[in-house]
N, C-alpha and C. Protein backbone atom coordinates (compact mmCIF):
# COMPACT_ATOMS: atom_id res chain seq x y z
N MET A 1 115.69 102.80 82.94
CA MET A 1 115.68 101.71 83.89
C MET A 1 115.50 102.21 85.32
N MET A 2 116.15 103.33 85.62
CA MET A 2 116.05 103.90 86.96
C MET A 2 114.62 104.34 87.27
N GLU A 3 113.93 104.87 86.26
CA GLU A 3 112.57 105.33 86.47
C GLU A 3 111.64 104.17 86.83
N TYR A 4 111.85 103.02 86.19
CA TYR A 4 111.01 101.86 86.47
C TYR A 4 111.24 101.32 87.87
N SER A 5 112.48 101.33 88.31
CA SER A 5 112.75 100.84 89.66
C SER A 5 112.18 101.79 90.71
N LEU A 6 112.26 103.10 90.47
CA LEU A 6 111.66 104.06 91.40
C LEU A 6 110.14 103.96 91.40
N LEU A 7 109.58 103.73 90.23
CA LEU A 7 108.13 103.55 90.15
C LEU A 7 107.68 102.28 90.86
N GLY A 8 108.45 101.20 90.72
CA GLY A 8 108.15 99.97 91.45
C GLY A 8 108.25 100.16 92.95
N LEU A 9 109.26 100.92 93.37
CA LEU A 9 109.40 101.22 94.80
C LEU A 9 108.22 102.03 95.30
N ALA A 10 107.73 102.95 94.50
CA ALA A 10 106.58 103.76 94.89
C ALA A 10 105.33 102.88 95.04
N VAL A 11 105.17 101.92 94.15
CA VAL A 11 104.02 101.01 94.24
C VAL A 11 104.11 100.16 95.51
N VAL A 12 105.29 99.65 95.80
CA VAL A 12 105.47 98.83 97.01
C VAL A 12 105.20 99.66 98.26
N LEU A 13 105.71 100.88 98.29
CA LEU A 13 105.46 101.75 99.44
C LEU A 13 103.97 102.06 99.59
N SER A 14 103.29 102.25 98.48
CA SER A 14 101.85 102.51 98.54
C SER A 14 101.09 101.31 99.11
N LEU A 15 101.49 100.13 98.72
CA LEU A 15 100.85 98.93 99.29
C LEU A 15 101.14 98.80 100.77
N LEU A 16 102.36 99.13 101.18
CA LEU A 16 102.70 99.07 102.60
C LEU A 16 101.95 100.12 103.41
N ILE A 17 101.62 101.23 102.78
CA ILE A 17 100.82 102.23 103.47
C ILE A 17 99.44 101.67 103.81
N PHE A 18 98.87 100.88 102.90
CA PHE A 18 97.57 100.28 103.18
C PHE A 18 97.66 99.24 104.31
N VAL A 19 98.77 98.54 104.39
CA VAL A 19 98.97 97.60 105.50
C VAL A 19 99.03 98.36 106.82
N CYS A 20 99.74 99.46 106.84
CA CYS A 20 99.82 100.27 108.05
C CYS A 20 98.48 100.93 108.37
N LEU A 21 97.73 101.25 107.34
CA LEU A 21 96.40 101.82 107.56
C LEU A 21 95.48 100.81 108.26
N TYR A 22 95.61 99.54 107.87
CA TYR A 22 94.85 98.50 108.55
C TYR A 22 95.27 98.40 110.02
N ARG A 23 96.58 98.49 110.28
CA ARG A 23 97.06 98.41 111.66
C ARG A 23 96.56 99.61 112.46
N ALA A 24 96.49 100.78 111.83
CA ALA A 24 95.98 101.96 112.52
C ALA A 24 94.49 101.82 112.84
N TYR A 25 93.77 101.12 111.97
CA TYR A 25 92.35 100.91 112.21
C TYR A 25 92.11 99.82 113.24
N ALA A 26 92.84 98.72 113.16
CA ALA A 26 92.56 97.56 113.99
C ALA A 26 93.51 97.40 115.17
N GLY A 27 94.40 98.37 115.37
CA GLY A 27 95.38 98.22 116.45
C GLY A 27 94.72 98.00 117.79
N PRO A 28 95.21 97.06 118.57
CA PRO A 28 94.55 96.79 119.84
C PRO A 28 94.71 97.93 120.85
N THR A 29 95.79 98.68 120.77
CA THR A 29 95.98 99.77 121.72
C THR A 29 96.18 101.07 120.97
N ALA A 30 96.06 102.16 121.70
CA ALA A 30 96.26 103.47 121.09
C ALA A 30 97.71 103.68 120.67
N ALA A 31 98.64 103.08 121.40
CA ALA A 31 100.05 103.20 121.04
C ALA A 31 100.33 102.54 119.69
N ASP A 32 99.69 101.41 119.43
CA ASP A 32 99.84 100.76 118.12
C ASP A 32 99.33 101.66 117.00
N ARG A 33 98.24 102.34 117.26
CA ARG A 33 97.68 103.23 116.25
C ARG A 33 98.60 104.42 115.99
N VAL A 34 99.20 104.96 117.06
CA VAL A 34 100.11 106.09 116.91
C VAL A 34 101.33 105.68 116.09
N VAL A 35 101.88 104.53 116.38
CA VAL A 35 103.05 104.05 115.64
C VAL A 35 102.70 103.82 114.17
N ALA A 36 101.53 103.24 113.92
CA ALA A 36 101.11 103.00 112.54
C ALA A 36 100.94 104.30 111.77
N ILE A 37 100.38 105.30 112.40
CA ILE A 37 100.20 106.59 111.74
C ILE A 37 101.55 107.27 111.51
N ASP A 38 102.47 107.11 112.44
CA ASP A 38 103.82 107.65 112.25
C ASP A 38 104.52 106.97 111.07
N VAL A 39 104.36 105.67 110.95
CA VAL A 39 104.96 104.95 109.82
C VAL A 39 104.33 105.40 108.50
N ILE A 40 103.02 105.63 108.52
CA ILE A 40 102.34 106.11 107.31
C ILE A 40 102.89 107.47 106.90
N SER A 41 103.06 108.37 107.86
CA SER A 41 103.57 109.70 107.51
C SER A 41 105.01 109.63 106.99
N THR A 42 105.80 108.72 107.52
CA THR A 42 107.16 108.55 107.01
C THR A 42 107.15 108.01 105.59
N LYS A 43 106.30 107.05 105.33
CA LYS A 43 106.22 106.48 103.98
C LYS A 43 105.70 107.51 102.96
N VAL A 44 104.77 108.34 103.38
CA VAL A 44 104.27 109.39 102.49
C VAL A 44 105.38 110.40 102.18
N ALA A 45 106.19 110.72 103.17
CA ALA A 45 107.32 111.63 102.92
C ALA A 45 108.30 111.02 101.92
N VAL A 46 108.55 109.72 102.04
CA VAL A 46 109.43 109.04 101.08
C VAL A 46 108.80 109.03 99.69
N LEU A 47 107.49 108.83 99.62
CA LEU A 47 106.81 108.88 98.32
C LEU A 47 106.92 110.26 97.69
N ILE A 48 106.83 111.30 98.48
CA ILE A 48 106.98 112.65 97.96
C ILE A 48 108.39 112.85 97.40
N VAL A 49 109.39 112.30 98.10
CA VAL A 49 110.77 112.39 97.60
C VAL A 49 110.91 111.62 96.29
N LEU A 50 110.30 110.45 96.20
CA LEU A 50 110.36 109.69 94.96
C LEU A 50 109.70 110.45 93.81
N ILE A 51 108.59 111.11 94.09
CA ILE A 51 107.94 111.92 93.06
C ILE A 51 108.85 113.08 92.66
N ALA A 52 109.55 113.67 93.63
CA ALA A 52 110.47 114.75 93.31
C ALA A 52 111.60 114.27 92.41
N ILE A 53 112.08 113.07 92.66
CA ILE A 53 113.15 112.52 91.82
C ILE A 53 112.63 112.20 90.43
N LEU A 54 111.46 111.61 90.36
CA LEU A 54 110.91 111.23 89.05
C LEU A 54 110.55 112.44 88.19
N THR A 55 110.01 113.48 88.81
CA THR A 55 109.61 114.66 88.04
C THR A 55 110.69 115.71 87.96
N GLU A 56 111.80 115.49 88.67
CA GLU A 56 112.94 116.43 88.70
C GLU A 56 112.53 117.82 89.15
N GLN A 57 111.68 117.88 90.17
CA GLN A 57 111.28 119.14 90.77
C GLN A 57 111.79 119.17 92.20
N GLN A 58 112.79 119.99 92.43
CA GLN A 58 113.44 120.03 93.73
C GLN A 58 112.57 120.64 94.82
N SER A 59 111.55 121.38 94.45
CA SER A 59 110.69 122.00 95.47
C SER A 59 109.90 120.95 96.25
N PHE A 60 109.69 119.79 95.66
CA PHE A 60 109.00 118.73 96.38
C PHE A 60 109.82 118.20 97.55
N MET A 61 111.13 118.34 97.48
CA MET A 61 111.98 117.92 98.60
C MET A 61 111.67 118.74 99.85
N ASP A 62 111.43 120.04 99.66
CA ASP A 62 111.06 120.90 100.78
C ASP A 62 109.71 120.49 101.36
N VAL A 63 108.79 120.14 100.48
CA VAL A 63 107.48 119.69 100.93
C VAL A 63 107.61 118.41 101.75
N ALA A 64 108.45 117.49 101.29
CA ALA A 64 108.65 116.23 102.02
C ALA A 64 109.29 116.48 103.38
N LEU A 65 110.23 117.41 103.45
CA LEU A 65 110.87 117.72 104.72
C LEU A 65 109.88 118.31 105.71
N ILE A 66 109.08 119.24 105.26
CA ILE A 66 108.07 119.85 106.14
C ILE A 66 107.03 118.81 106.56
N TYR A 67 106.63 117.95 105.64
CA TYR A 67 105.66 116.90 105.97
C TYR A 67 106.23 115.96 107.03
N ALA A 68 107.50 115.60 106.91
CA ALA A 68 108.12 114.72 107.90
C ALA A 68 108.21 115.41 109.26
N MET A 69 108.52 116.70 109.26
CA MET A 69 108.59 117.43 110.53
C MET A 69 107.22 117.50 111.21
N ILE A 70 106.19 117.77 110.42
CA ILE A 70 104.84 117.84 110.99
C ILE A 70 104.42 116.47 111.53
N GLY A 71 104.75 115.41 110.79
CA GLY A 71 104.43 114.06 111.27
C GLY A 71 105.14 113.73 112.57
N PHE A 72 106.39 114.14 112.70
CA PHE A 72 107.14 113.89 113.93
C PHE A 72 106.55 114.65 115.10
N ILE A 73 106.25 115.92 114.89
CA ILE A 73 105.69 116.74 115.97
C ILE A 73 104.32 116.20 116.38
N THR A 74 103.53 115.77 115.42
CA THR A 74 102.22 115.20 115.73
C THR A 74 102.35 113.93 116.55
N THR A 75 103.31 113.10 116.20
CA THR A 75 103.53 111.86 116.95
C THR A 75 103.93 112.15 118.39
N ILE A 76 104.81 113.12 118.57
CA ILE A 76 105.22 113.50 119.93
C ILE A 76 104.03 114.03 120.72
N ALA A 77 103.22 114.88 120.09
CA ALA A 77 102.06 115.46 120.78
C ALA A 77 101.04 114.40 121.17
N VAL A 78 100.74 113.49 120.27
CA VAL A 78 99.75 112.45 120.57
C VAL A 78 100.29 111.50 121.63
N SER A 79 101.56 111.18 121.58
CA SER A 79 102.16 110.31 122.59
C SER A 79 102.11 110.96 123.97
N LYS A 80 102.41 112.25 124.02
CA LYS A 80 102.35 112.95 125.30
C LYS A 80 100.91 113.00 125.81
N TYR A 81 99.97 113.22 124.91
CA TYR A 81 98.56 113.24 125.31
C TYR A 81 98.12 111.88 125.85
N LEU A 82 98.56 110.81 125.20
CA LEU A 82 98.18 109.47 125.66
C LEU A 82 98.79 109.15 127.01
N GLU A 83 100.00 109.65 127.26
CA GLU A 83 100.66 109.33 128.50
C GLU A 83 100.16 110.18 129.67
N LYS A 84 99.99 111.49 129.45
CA LYS A 84 99.66 112.39 130.55
C LYS A 84 98.20 112.85 130.55
N GLY A 85 97.52 112.73 129.43
CA GLY A 85 96.14 113.17 129.36
C GLY A 85 95.97 114.64 129.02
N LYS A 86 97.08 115.36 128.86
CA LYS A 86 97.02 116.76 128.46
C LYS A 86 98.29 117.10 127.68
N LEU A 87 98.25 118.18 126.94
CA LEU A 87 99.38 118.53 126.08
C LEU A 87 100.33 119.55 126.71
N TYR A 88 99.97 120.17 127.81
CA TYR A 88 100.83 121.19 128.41
C TYR A 88 101.45 120.73 129.70
């Protein structure tokens, strides 16, 4: 029963990723696009964790953590670039 609920959650998260992908494509401002991409990276990290739980492979948890860190750093870098026009 637990596997079916996790699988259903994965399907719902996948559908929500497509909604955020539309927002990233059609966002009226660059800030909307950055937020949508940040939400997508967070949802992908959660999907990786769900896959780790379903397959019982703990190494995927490390992959999800690194993916979340890279997504956060990318969001900070793009936000700084949008605000100041340079990264340094």
